[in-house]
N, C-alpha and C. Protein backbone atom coordinates (compact mmCIF):
# COMPACT_ATOMS: atom_id res chain seq x y z
N UNK A 1 28.77 -30.00 41.28
CA UNK A 1 29.09 -29.37 42.53
C UNK A 1 29.65 -27.98 42.25
N UNK A 2 29.45 -27.07 43.15
CA UNK A 2 29.96 -25.72 42.97
C UNK A 2 31.47 -25.70 43.10
N UNK A 3 32.11 -25.01 42.19
CA UNK A 3 33.55 -24.85 42.28
C UNK A 3 33.80 -23.39 42.60
N UNK A 4 34.42 -23.15 43.75
CA UNK A 4 34.68 -21.79 44.17
C UNK A 4 36.19 -21.55 44.20
N UNK A 5 36.58 -20.35 44.57
CA UNK A 5 37.99 -20.01 44.68
C UNK A 5 38.67 -20.97 45.65
N UNK A 6 39.92 -21.33 45.39
CA UNK A 6 40.59 -22.28 46.28
C UNK A 6 40.77 -21.70 47.68
N UNK A 7 40.62 -22.56 48.65
CA UNK A 7 40.80 -22.19 50.05
C UNK A 7 42.20 -22.62 50.46
N UNK A 8 43.01 -21.68 50.90
CA UNK A 8 44.34 -22.00 51.38
C UNK A 8 44.23 -22.41 52.84
N UNK A 9 44.86 -23.53 53.17
CA UNK A 9 44.83 -24.03 54.54
C UNK A 9 46.27 -24.16 55.03
N UNK A 10 46.52 -23.57 56.19
CA UNK A 10 47.83 -23.68 56.82
C UNK A 10 47.64 -24.47 58.10
N UNK A 11 48.37 -25.57 58.20
CA UNK A 11 48.29 -26.40 59.39
C UNK A 11 49.42 -25.99 60.31
N UNK A 12 49.06 -25.61 61.52
CA UNK A 12 50.02 -25.11 62.49
C UNK A 12 49.69 -25.69 63.86
N UNK A 13 50.57 -26.50 64.39
CA UNK A 13 50.32 -27.10 65.71
C UNK A 13 50.85 -26.22 66.83
N UNK A 14 51.47 -25.10 66.51
CA UNK A 14 51.97 -24.16 67.52
C UNK A 14 50.95 -23.03 67.67
N UNK A 15 50.20 -23.07 68.77
CA UNK A 15 49.13 -22.09 68.99
C UNK A 15 49.65 -20.65 69.01
N UNK A 16 50.90 -20.43 69.41
CA UNK A 16 51.43 -19.06 69.47
C UNK A 16 51.64 -18.48 68.06
N UNK A 17 51.74 -19.33 67.06
CA UNK A 17 51.92 -18.84 65.70
C UNK A 17 50.60 -18.69 64.94
N UNK A 18 49.54 -19.29 65.45
CA UNK A 18 48.28 -19.29 64.70
C UNK A 18 47.72 -17.88 64.51
N UNK A 19 47.79 -17.03 65.53
CA UNK A 19 47.30 -15.66 65.42
C UNK A 19 48.03 -14.87 64.34
N UNK A 20 49.38 -14.82 64.39
CA UNK A 20 50.11 -14.12 63.34
C UNK A 20 49.86 -14.69 61.93
N UNK A 21 49.70 -16.00 61.84
CA UNK A 21 49.42 -16.59 60.53
C UNK A 21 48.06 -16.17 60.00
N UNK A 22 47.06 -16.14 60.89
CA UNK A 22 45.72 -15.68 60.47
C UNK A 22 45.77 -14.22 60.03
N UNK A 23 46.51 -13.41 60.76
CA UNK A 23 46.65 -11.99 60.41
C UNK A 23 47.34 -11.85 59.06
N UNK A 24 48.36 -12.65 58.82
CA UNK A 24 49.07 -12.61 57.54
C UNK A 24 48.12 -12.96 56.40
N UNK A 25 47.31 -14.01 56.59
CA UNK A 25 46.34 -14.38 55.56
C UNK A 25 45.37 -13.24 55.28
N UNK A 26 44.88 -12.59 56.33
CA UNK A 26 43.96 -11.46 56.15
C UNK A 26 44.63 -10.35 55.37
N UNK A 27 45.90 -10.05 55.68
CA UNK A 27 46.63 -8.98 55.00
C UNK A 27 46.89 -9.31 53.53
N UNK A 28 46.98 -10.60 53.21
CA UNK A 28 47.22 -11.02 51.83
C UNK A 28 45.92 -11.02 51.01
N UNK A 29 44.79 -10.87 51.69
CA UNK A 29 43.46 -10.87 51.04
C UNK A 29 43.24 -12.13 50.22
N UNK A 30 43.60 -13.25 50.84
CA UNK A 30 43.34 -14.54 50.19
C UNK A 30 42.40 -15.34 51.08
N UNK A 31 41.61 -16.19 50.45
CA UNK A 31 40.73 -17.07 51.21
C UNK A 31 41.59 -18.12 51.88
N UNK A 32 41.50 -18.20 53.19
CA UNK A 32 42.33 -19.17 53.88
C UNK A 32 41.94 -19.35 55.32
N UNK A 33 42.52 -20.38 55.91
CA UNK A 33 42.29 -20.65 57.32
C UNK A 33 43.53 -21.30 57.90
N UNK A 34 43.75 -21.05 59.17
CA UNK A 34 44.85 -21.66 59.91
C UNK A 34 44.24 -22.73 60.80
N UNK A 35 44.74 -23.93 60.67
CA UNK A 35 44.18 -25.07 61.39
C UNK A 35 45.16 -25.51 62.47
N UNK A 36 44.72 -25.38 63.72
CA UNK A 36 45.52 -25.84 64.85
C UNK A 36 44.95 -27.13 65.43
N UNK A 37 43.68 -27.36 65.18
CA UNK A 37 43.02 -28.59 65.62
C UNK A 37 41.98 -28.94 64.58
N UNK A 38 41.53 -30.18 64.52
CA UNK A 38 40.53 -30.55 63.51
C UNK A 38 39.27 -29.70 63.57
N UNK A 39 38.93 -29.17 64.74
CA UNK A 39 37.74 -28.33 64.86
C UNK A 39 37.88 -27.00 64.12
N UNK A 40 39.13 -26.58 63.85
CA UNK A 40 39.36 -25.33 63.14
C UNK A 40 39.11 -25.44 61.64
N UNK A 41 39.05 -26.66 61.14
CA UNK A 41 38.93 -26.88 59.69
C UNK A 41 37.49 -26.71 59.23
N UNK A 42 37.30 -25.95 58.18
CA UNK A 42 35.95 -25.75 57.64
C UNK A 42 35.40 -27.03 57.02
N UNK A 43 36.24 -28.00 56.80
CA UNK A 43 35.81 -29.27 56.22
C UNK A 43 35.52 -30.32 57.30
N UNK A 44 35.57 -29.93 58.56
CA UNK A 44 35.21 -30.87 59.63
C UNK A 44 33.77 -31.29 59.40
N UNK A 45 33.36 -32.48 59.68
CA UNK A 45 34.04 -33.54 60.41
C UNK A 45 34.91 -34.44 59.55
N UNK A 46 35.13 -34.10 58.28
CA UNK A 46 35.94 -34.95 57.42
C UNK A 46 37.43 -34.66 57.52
N UNK A 47 37.83 -33.63 58.25
CA UNK A 47 39.23 -33.25 58.37
C UNK A 47 40.02 -34.36 59.05
N UNK A 48 41.11 -34.77 58.44
CA UNK A 48 41.95 -35.82 59.00
C UNK A 48 43.40 -35.37 59.10
N UNK A 49 43.66 -34.09 58.99
CA UNK A 49 45.04 -33.62 58.98
C UNK A 49 45.72 -33.72 60.34
N UNK A 50 45.00 -33.41 61.40
CA UNK A 50 45.63 -33.37 62.71
C UNK A 50 45.16 -34.46 63.65
N UNK A 51 44.15 -35.21 63.26
CA UNK A 51 43.59 -36.19 64.17
C UNK A 51 43.05 -37.37 63.37
N UNK A 52 43.21 -38.55 63.90
CA UNK A 52 42.73 -39.73 63.20
C UNK A 52 41.54 -40.35 63.90
N UNK A 53 40.74 -39.55 64.57
CA UNK A 53 39.56 -40.05 65.26
C UNK A 53 38.56 -40.58 64.23
N UNK A 54 37.78 -41.58 64.61
CA UNK A 54 36.80 -42.10 63.67
C UNK A 54 35.74 -41.05 63.33
N UNK A 55 35.22 -41.14 62.12
CA UNK A 55 34.16 -40.23 61.70
C UNK A 55 32.89 -40.50 62.49
N UNK A 56 32.17 -39.43 62.80
CA UNK A 56 30.86 -39.57 63.42
C UNK A 56 29.83 -39.88 62.35
N UNK A 57 28.56 -40.01 62.75
CA UNK A 57 27.51 -40.34 61.78
C UNK A 57 27.42 -39.33 60.63
N UNK A 58 27.56 -38.05 60.94
CA UNK A 58 27.47 -37.02 59.89
C UNK A 58 28.61 -37.17 58.89
N UNK A 59 29.82 -37.41 59.38
CA UNK A 59 30.97 -37.58 58.50
C UNK A 59 30.86 -38.82 57.64
N UNK A 60 30.36 -39.92 58.23
CA UNK A 60 30.17 -41.15 57.46
C UNK A 60 29.12 -40.95 56.36
N UNK A 61 28.03 -40.24 56.68
CA UNK A 61 26.98 -39.98 55.69
C UNK A 61 27.53 -39.11 54.57
N UNK A 62 28.28 -38.07 54.91
CA UNK A 62 28.86 -37.18 53.91
C UNK A 62 29.82 -37.96 53.02
N UNK A 63 30.65 -38.80 53.62
CA UNK A 63 31.58 -39.62 52.86
C UNK A 63 30.87 -40.58 51.92
N UNK A 64 29.77 -41.19 52.39
CA UNK A 64 29.00 -42.11 51.56
C UNK A 64 28.36 -41.38 50.38
N UNK A 65 27.86 -40.17 50.62
CA UNK A 65 27.27 -39.37 49.53
C UNK A 65 28.34 -39.02 48.49
N UNK A 66 29.52 -38.61 48.95
CA UNK A 66 30.61 -38.30 48.02
C UNK A 66 30.98 -39.53 47.19
N UNK A 67 31.06 -40.68 47.84
CA UNK A 67 31.40 -41.92 47.14
C UNK A 67 30.34 -42.26 46.09
N UNK A 68 29.06 -42.09 46.43
CA UNK A 68 27.98 -42.37 45.48
C UNK A 68 28.06 -41.45 44.27
N UNK A 69 28.29 -40.16 44.50
CA UNK A 69 28.39 -39.21 43.38
C UNK A 69 29.59 -39.56 42.50
N UNK A 70 30.73 -39.86 43.11
CA UNK A 70 31.92 -40.20 42.33
C UNK A 70 31.69 -41.47 41.51
N UNK A 71 31.00 -42.45 42.07
CA UNK A 71 30.68 -43.68 41.34
C UNK A 71 29.77 -43.38 40.15
N UNK A 72 28.76 -42.55 40.37
CA UNK A 72 27.86 -42.19 39.27
C UNK A 72 28.61 -41.44 38.17
N UNK A 73 29.54 -40.59 38.55
CA UNK A 73 30.33 -39.86 37.55
C UNK A 73 31.22 -40.82 36.75
N UNK A 74 31.90 -41.73 37.46
CA UNK A 74 32.81 -42.68 36.78
C UNK A 74 32.06 -43.61 35.83
N UNK A 75 30.84 -43.97 36.16
CA UNK A 75 30.12 -44.98 35.37
C UNK A 75 29.06 -44.38 34.45
N UNK A 76 29.05 -43.07 34.29
CA UNK A 76 27.99 -42.44 33.51
C UNK A 76 27.99 -42.87 32.05
N UNK A 77 29.14 -43.24 31.51
CA UNK A 77 29.18 -43.67 30.11
C UNK A 77 28.76 -45.13 29.95
N UNK A 78 28.93 -45.92 30.99
CA UNK A 78 28.53 -47.32 30.94
C UNK A 78 27.02 -47.48 31.09
N UNK A 79 26.42 -46.60 31.90
CA UNK A 79 24.98 -46.68 32.15
C UNK A 79 24.34 -45.36 31.78
N UNK A 80 23.99 -45.20 30.53
CA UNK A 80 23.38 -43.94 30.07
C UNK A 80 21.92 -43.94 30.49
N UNK A 81 21.66 -43.23 31.58
CA UNK A 81 20.33 -43.22 32.15
C UNK A 81 19.99 -41.83 32.65
N UNK A 82 18.86 -41.31 32.22
CA UNK A 82 18.42 -40.00 32.71
C UNK A 82 18.16 -40.04 34.21
N UNK A 83 17.62 -41.16 34.68
CA UNK A 83 17.31 -41.28 36.10
C UNK A 83 18.57 -41.23 36.94
N UNK A 84 19.63 -41.92 36.49
CA UNK A 84 20.89 -41.88 37.23
C UNK A 84 21.53 -40.50 37.17
N UNK A 85 21.41 -39.84 36.03
CA UNK A 85 21.95 -38.47 35.91
C UNK A 85 21.21 -37.53 36.86
N UNK A 86 19.90 -37.67 36.93
CA UNK A 86 19.12 -36.82 37.83
C UNK A 86 19.44 -37.15 39.29
N UNK A 87 19.61 -38.42 39.60
CA UNK A 87 20.00 -38.81 40.97
C UNK A 87 21.33 -38.18 41.35
N UNK A 88 22.30 -38.21 40.43
CA UNK A 88 23.60 -37.59 40.69
C UNK A 88 23.44 -36.10 40.96
N UNK A 89 22.63 -35.42 40.17
CA UNK A 89 22.43 -33.99 40.37
C UNK A 89 21.78 -33.71 41.73
N UNK A 90 20.80 -34.54 42.11
CA UNK A 90 20.14 -34.35 43.42
C UNK A 90 21.14 -34.58 44.55
N UNK A 91 21.98 -35.59 44.43
CA UNK A 91 22.98 -35.86 45.46
C UNK A 91 24.01 -34.72 45.53
N UNK A 92 24.40 -34.18 44.38
CA UNK A 92 25.34 -33.06 44.37
C UNK A 92 24.72 -31.83 45.04
N UNK A 93 23.43 -31.58 44.77
CA UNK A 93 22.76 -30.45 45.42
C UNK A 93 22.71 -30.66 46.93
N UNK A 94 22.42 -31.88 47.36
CA UNK A 94 22.39 -32.19 48.78
C UNK A 94 23.76 -31.97 49.42
N UNK A 95 24.81 -32.42 48.75
CA UNK A 95 26.17 -32.20 49.27
C UNK A 95 26.49 -30.71 49.36
N UNK A 96 26.08 -29.94 48.35
CA UNK A 96 26.30 -28.49 48.39
C UNK A 96 25.57 -27.87 49.56
N UNK A 97 24.32 -28.28 49.78
CA UNK A 97 23.55 -27.75 50.91
C UNK A 97 24.20 -28.11 52.25
N UNK A 98 24.66 -29.34 52.37
CA UNK A 98 25.32 -29.76 53.62
C UNK A 98 26.61 -28.99 53.84
N UNK A 99 27.35 -28.74 52.75
CA UNK A 99 28.61 -27.99 52.86
C UNK A 99 28.32 -26.55 53.24
N UNK A 100 27.27 -25.95 52.67
CA UNK A 100 26.91 -24.57 53.01
C UNK A 100 26.53 -24.44 54.47
N UNK A 101 25.85 -25.45 55.03
CA UNK A 101 25.47 -25.41 56.45
C UNK A 101 26.67 -25.45 57.35
N UNK A 102 27.77 -26.12 56.92
CA UNK A 102 28.94 -26.27 57.78
C UNK A 102 29.86 -25.08 57.76
N UNK A 103 29.71 -24.17 56.80
CA UNK A 103 30.64 -23.03 56.72
C UNK A 103 30.05 -21.78 57.30
């Protein structure tokens, strides 16, 4: 999976502070976002910081793909298989593509 610069996330439930916080982040020239609701999070629909609503179909599929990749990574030494390694790479590419579409 692609590893990029860390994204700073500030969770703020006070809407009057969100604007100044976003401006502060811009002035600091750091990658970041201010989250006032789950919809503000670039990781939605997987964001669970402000809301505990059940995941929709897209979030469940994304979560299942992440779980499959993590399982393949954990068990790669137990099952040395080119096919499984290639499957992991294809799933990682799919997750990267899905993440790029959401940002």
